[in-house]
Protein backbone atom coordinates (compact mmCIF):
# COMPACT_ATOMS: atom_id res chain seq x y z
CA MET A 1 -130.55 -83.87 66.06
CA PHE A 2 -129.30 -84.29 62.52
CA GLY A 3 -126.57 -82.84 60.35
CA TYR A 4 -124.34 -82.96 57.32
CA VAL A 5 -120.61 -83.33 56.79
CA ALA A 6 -118.57 -82.02 53.86
CA GLU A 7 -115.51 -84.07 52.96
CA VAL A 8 -112.70 -83.65 50.47
CA SER A 9 -110.47 -86.67 49.84
CA GLY A 10 -111.70 -88.24 53.09
CA GLU A 11 -110.95 -85.14 55.17
CA VAL A 12 -113.80 -83.40 57.00
CA VAL A 13 -113.85 -79.77 55.82
CA GLY A 14 -117.25 -78.69 57.16
CA VAL A 15 -120.07 -79.71 59.48
CA ILE A 16 -123.56 -78.46 60.29
CA LEU A 17 -125.73 -79.90 63.08
CA PHE A 18 -129.33 -78.99 63.83
CA LYS A 19 -131.23 -79.43 67.08
CA ASP A 20 -135.00 -79.38 67.07
CA PRO A 21 -136.80 -77.12 66.57
CA ALA A 22 -134.62 -75.77 63.76
CA LEU A 23 -131.70 -74.53 65.85
CA ILE A 24 -128.20 -74.73 64.38
CA SER A 25 -126.07 -76.08 67.21
CA LEU A 26 -122.77 -76.47 65.33
CA PHE A 27 -121.61 -75.00 62.03
CA PHE A 28 -118.04 -74.73 60.84
CA VAL A 29 -115.95 -74.84 57.70
CA SER A 30 -112.20 -75.43 57.73
CA GLY A 31 -110.19 -72.28 57.05
CA LEU A 32 -108.81 -73.50 53.72
CA TYR A 33 -112.34 -74.06 52.41
CA ARG A 34 -114.05 -70.88 53.61
CA GLY A 35 -115.48 -68.72 50.85
CA ARG A 36 -115.72 -71.65 48.45
CA GLY A 37 -119.40 -72.56 48.88
CA VAL A 38 -119.00 -75.32 51.47
CA GLY A 39 -120.98 -73.55 54.21
CA THR A 40 -123.68 -72.47 51.77
CA ALA A 41 -124.03 -76.05 50.50
CA LEU A 42 -124.22 -77.46 54.04
CA LEU A 43 -126.82 -74.88 55.08
CA GLY A 44 -128.82 -75.52 51.89
CA GLU A 45 -128.94 -79.26 52.56
CA GLY A 46 -130.03 -78.60 56.13
CA ILE A 47 -132.81 -76.25 55.05
CA LEU A 48 -134.05 -78.73 52.44
CA SER A 49 -134.18 -81.44 55.09
CA LEU A 50 -135.96 -79.19 57.61
CA LYS A 51 -138.56 -78.14 55.05
CA ARG A 52 -139.19 -81.77 54.05
CA ARG A 53 -139.88 -82.53 57.72
CA ASP A 54 -142.06 -79.44 58.21
CA PRO A 55 -143.05 -77.52 55.06
CA ARG A 56 -144.55 -74.74 57.22
CA LEU A 57 -141.36 -74.19 59.23
CA PRO A 58 -141.33 -70.40 59.78
CA ARG A 59 -137.65 -69.90 60.68
CA ILE A 60 -134.33 -71.39 61.67
CA ARG A 61 -132.20 -70.00 64.46
CA VAL A 62 -128.56 -69.82 65.50
CA ASN A 63 -126.73 -68.31 68.45
CA SER A 64 -123.77 -66.70 66.72
CA VAL A 65 -120.47 -65.77 68.30
CA PRO A 66 -119.93 -62.05 67.65
CA SER A 67 -117.14 -62.68 65.14
CA ALA A 68 -119.43 -64.81 62.92
CA VAL A 69 -122.37 -62.39 62.66
CA GLY A 70 -121.22 -61.05 59.27
CA THR A 71 -120.95 -64.57 57.86
CA TYR A 72 -124.45 -65.46 59.03
CA GLU A 73 -125.79 -62.20 57.58
CA ARG A 74 -124.26 -63.07 54.20
CA LEU A 75 -125.99 -66.45 54.43
CA GLY A 76 -129.35 -64.72 54.98
CA PHE A 77 -129.72 -64.56 58.76
CA ARG A 78 -130.64 -61.42 60.67
CA THR A 79 -130.09 -60.40 64.27
CA ALA A 80 -133.02 -61.46 66.46
CA GLY A 81 -131.98 -60.01 69.80
CA LYS A 82 -129.26 -58.35 71.81
CA GLU A 83 -125.91 -59.91 72.61
CA ARG A 84 -126.14 -62.23 75.59
CA VAL A 85 -123.73 -64.04 77.87
CA VAL A 86 -124.72 -67.45 79.22
CA GLU A 87 -122.25 -69.43 81.33
CA GLY A 88 -119.47 -67.15 80.11
CA ILE A 89 -120.28 -67.63 76.41
CA ARG A 90 -121.10 -64.49 74.38
CA PHE A 91 -123.56 -64.88 71.53
CA ILE A 92 -126.05 -62.98 69.41
CA PRO A 93 -129.36 -64.68 68.59
CA MET A 94 -130.00 -64.73 64.85
CA GLU A 95 -132.69 -66.18 62.63
CA MET A 96 -133.59 -66.80 59.02
CA ASP A 97 -137.25 -66.53 58.02
CA GLU A 98 -139.08 -68.27 55.18
CA LYS A 99 -138.06 -65.56 52.72
CA GLY A 100 -134.40 -66.21 53.53
CA MET A 101 -134.87 -69.97 53.27
CA PHE A 102 -136.60 -69.64 49.91
CA ARG A 103 -133.38 -68.89 48.04
CA TYR A 104 -131.97 -72.23 49.23
CA LEU A 105 -135.15 -74.09 48.25
CA ARG A 106 -135.33 -72.51 44.79
CA ALA A 107 -131.82 -73.38 43.69
CA PRO A 108 -129.89 -75.56 46.14
CA VAL A 109 -126.20 -74.78 46.06
CA ARG A 110 -123.72 -77.58 45.53
CA SER A 111 -120.05 -77.33 46.17
CA SER A 112 -117.62 -79.58 44.33
CA LEU A 113 -114.15 -78.80 45.55
CA PRO A 114 -110.73 -80.17 44.81
CA PRO A 115 -108.18 -80.03 47.65
CA PRO A 116 -106.69 -76.53 48.04
């Protein structure tokens, strides 16, 4: 497992954690910082790290809560199965293929944010 943390003035404003093989297990951005590039920067760093470890990595996956599907789609993920419920938790499997990852490898996104 590995991940990245985004901080502003010592405050954690975003986190992404990956479990092998290439499964996002935790991904959030604080409400005040959503839509400001923090999530994109965290995901980009994660993809760069995954591709350094395995240049032939074909995809990354996430089990999205239904309310976050649109966000993941904007980041380049697509639905990879039907909604499921496991131990009372609803989720939709999603994945990003190499084509989706390529945009993050071509021009990694950085976010430099002042406090809101």
